[in-house]
Amino acid sequence: MSVIDLKSLYETDDYEWLQSTIELLKNRQFNALDLENLIEELEDLGSEKRNAVVSLLNQIIRHLLLLDYWTSERERNINHWRSEIVNFRDQLDQRLTTNLRNYLQENLDFIYKRALLYVKEKTGYSVEFPDECPYTLEQLLDLNWFPDRPPHTD
């Protein structure tokens, strides 16, 4: 298969393009590769992985904030919030690499600000949440950690 054929295949059947590209790589037929689309796909793959771990960490922060600060809803929602935190941590743990962990650490403030916007809206701005993330990345990622400080009041 030529590069031109491979580029055409990419436009019509990206799964078949992927299978053909894998075969070319396995056979070390590097000159036949559609490098332009291969590079684009690899960049997208990296972005998807980053976006997935950011989304999961955002969800963990949201649920911890609700658990920790939205006291008027705690009794009704505590089991749900805790189970969601466990679920999101488990998913994140399965995807996390050293590189992605470093990315989360570097972007924790930004991720927290996004989660904060959500919980403020969810609570109708009736709860005072901290402006800065009250949790360390280690706490957020720890499969068994939950806040042990006394509950906050609304």
Protein backbone atom coordinates (compact mmCIF):
# COMPACT_ATOMS: atom_id res chain seq x y z
CA MET A 1 0.00 0.00 0.00
CA SER A 2 1.36 3.41 -0.91
CA VAL A 3 1.34 6.53 1.22
CA ILE A 4 -1.30 8.05 -1.08
CA ASP A 5 -3.52 4.98 -0.67
CA LEU A 6 -3.03 5.11 3.09
CA LYS A 7 -3.96 8.81 3.21
CA SER A 8 -7.10 8.07 1.23
CA LEU A 9 -7.93 5.17 3.56
CA TYR A 10 -7.58 7.50 6.55
CA GLU A 11 -10.36 9.69 5.13
CA THR A 12 -12.75 6.76 4.58
CA ASP A 13 -11.98 4.17 7.28
CA ASP A 14 -9.75 5.31 10.12
CA TYR A 15 -9.87 1.90 11.84
CA GLU A 16 -8.62 0.13 8.73
CA TRP A 17 -6.00 2.90 8.36
CA LEU A 18 -4.86 2.16 11.92
CA GLN A 19 -4.61 -1.57 11.26
CA SER A 20 -2.61 -0.95 8.06
CA THR A 21 -0.33 1.49 9.86
CA ILE A 22 0.33 -1.02 12.63
CA GLU A 23 1.25 -3.66 10.06
CA LEU A 24 3.61 -1.26 8.29
CA LEU A 25 5.28 -0.44 11.59
CA LYS A 26 5.60 -4.10 12.55
CA ASN A 27 7.15 -4.83 9.15
CA ARG A 28 9.42 -1.79 9.47
CA GLN A 29 8.06 -0.33 6.22
CA PHE A 30 8.59 3.20 7.44
CA ASN A 31 8.68 4.77 3.96
CA ALA A 32 5.10 3.66 3.33
CA LEU A 33 3.73 5.33 6.47
CA ASP A 34 1.26 8.19 6.31
CA LEU A 35 3.34 10.28 8.72
CA GLU A 36 1.13 13.35 8.65
CA ASN A 37 -1.94 11.50 9.92
CA LEU A 38 0.12 9.25 12.19
CA ILE A 39 1.58 12.29 13.96
CA GLU A 40 -1.90 13.81 14.30
CA GLU A 41 -3.27 10.59 15.79
CA LEU A 42 -0.42 10.32 18.28
CA GLU A 43 -0.92 13.92 19.38
CA ASP A 44 -4.64 13.26 19.80
CA LEU A 45 -3.93 10.14 21.82
CA GLY A 46 -1.74 12.11 24.22
CA SER A 47 -4.39 14.80 24.57
CA GLU A 48 -7.12 12.23 25.20
CA LYS A 49 -5.11 10.62 27.98
CA ARG A 50 -4.43 14.00 29.62
CA ASN A 51 -8.07 15.05 29.29
CA ALA A 52 -9.26 11.78 30.82
CA VAL A 53 -7.10 12.07 33.95
CA VAL A 54 -7.92 15.77 34.34
CA SER A 55 -11.63 14.97 34.13
CA LEU A 56 -11.34 12.21 36.72
CA LEU A 57 -9.38 14.41 39.12
CA ASN A 58 -11.94 17.18 38.62
CA GLN A 59 -14.69 14.74 39.62
CA ILE A 60 -12.77 13.64 42.71
CA ILE A 61 -12.31 17.24 43.82
CA ARG A 62 -15.98 18.08 43.20
CA HIS A 63 -17.21 15.18 45.28
CA LEU A 64 -14.71 15.81 48.08
CA LEU A 65 -15.77 19.45 48.26
CA LEU A 66 -19.44 18.48 48.39
CA LEU A 67 -18.72 15.86 51.05
CA ASP A 68 -16.54 18.18 53.08
CA TYR A 69 -18.45 21.47 52.86
CA TRP A 70 -22.11 20.99 51.84
CA THR A 71 -23.27 19.95 55.29
CA SER A 72 -26.98 20.48 54.68
CA GLU A 73 -26.90 17.73 52.03
CA ARG A 74 -24.31 15.47 53.64
CA GLU A 75 -26.59 13.05 55.43
CA ARG A 76 -28.67 12.41 52.31
CA ASN A 77 -25.69 12.14 49.90
CA ILE A 78 -22.69 10.93 51.90
CA ASN A 79 -22.74 7.35 50.61
CA HIS A 80 -23.20 8.48 47.01
CA TRP A 81 -20.41 11.05 47.19
CA ARG A 82 -18.00 8.63 48.86
CA SER A 83 -18.75 5.87 46.36
CA GLU A 84 -18.24 8.28 43.46
CA ILE A 85 -14.88 9.35 44.91
CA VAL A 86 -13.81 5.68 45.19
CA ASN A 87 -14.97 5.01 41.63
CA PHE A 88 -13.19 8.01 40.11
CA ARG A 89 -10.00 7.29 42.07
CA ASP A 90 -10.01 3.70 40.86
CA GLN A 91 -10.41 4.80 37.24
CA LEU A 92 -7.68 7.40 37.64
CA ASP A 93 -5.33 4.94 39.31
CA GLN A 94 -5.66 2.61 36.31
CA ARG A 95 -4.72 5.37 33.85
CA LEU A 96 -2.05 7.24 35.78
CA THR A 97 1.55 7.27 34.61
CA THR A 98 4.43 9.25 36.06
CA ASN A 99 4.13 11.76 33.23
CA LEU A 100 0.37 12.18 33.71
CA ARG A 101 0.80 12.47 37.49
CA ASN A 102 3.31 15.27 36.95
CA TYR A 103 0.85 16.94 34.56
CA LEU A 104 -1.87 16.80 37.24
CA GLN A 105 0.49 18.25 39.85
CA GLU A 106 1.46 21.12 37.52
CA ASN A 107 -2.19 21.87 36.73
CA LEU A 108 -3.82 21.21 40.10
CA ASP A 109 -4.69 24.87 40.69
CA PHE A 110 -6.43 25.13 37.30
CA ILE A 111 -8.28 21.82 37.79
CA TYR A 112 -9.39 22.95 41.26
CA LYS A 113 -10.71 26.26 39.93
CA ARG A 114 -12.83 24.38 37.36
CA ALA A 115 -14.18 22.00 40.02
CA LEU A 116 -14.87 24.96 42.28
CA LEU A 117 -17.01 26.66 39.63
CA TYR A 118 -19.10 23.51 39.37
CA VAL A 119 -19.72 23.03 43.10
CA LYS A 120 -20.52 26.70 43.62
CA GLU A 121 -23.17 26.47 40.92
CA LYS A 122 -24.46 23.12 42.21
CA THR A 123 -24.92 24.51 45.71
CA GLY A 124 -26.49 27.74 44.46
CA TYR A 125 -23.54 29.67 45.86
CA SER A 126 -24.88 28.87 49.35
CA VAL A 127 -21.68 27.20 50.57
CA GLU A 128 -18.36 28.87 51.22
CA PHE A 129 -15.65 26.78 49.60
CA PRO A 130 -11.92 27.52 49.90
CA ASP A 131 -10.42 29.60 47.09
CA GLU A 132 -7.35 27.35 47.08
CA CYS A 133 -7.40 23.57 46.91
CA PRO A 134 -7.51 22.22 50.48
CA TYR A 135 -6.24 18.81 49.36
CA THR A 136 -2.82 17.65 48.23
CA LEU A 137 -2.47 15.60 45.08
CA GLU A 138 -1.40 12.67 47.25
CA GLN A 139 -4.64 12.89 49.23
CA LEU A 140 -6.71 13.22 46.07
CA LEU A 141 -5.13 10.11 44.54
CA ASP A 142 -5.08 7.98 47.69
CA LEU A 143 -7.66 5.24 47.18
CA ASN A 144 -8.53 5.19 50.91
CA TRP A 145 -8.21 8.81 51.99
CA PHE A 146 -11.18 10.89 53.10
CA PRO A 147 -11.13 14.13 55.09
CA ASP A 148 -11.06 13.44 58.81
CA ARG A 149 -11.48 16.96 60.03
CA PRO A 150 -14.79 18.06 61.58
CA PRO A 151 -17.48 18.91 59.04
CA HIS A 152 -17.80 22.51 57.94
CA THR A 153 -21.08 24.32 58.34
CA ASP A 154 -23.02 25.85 55.46
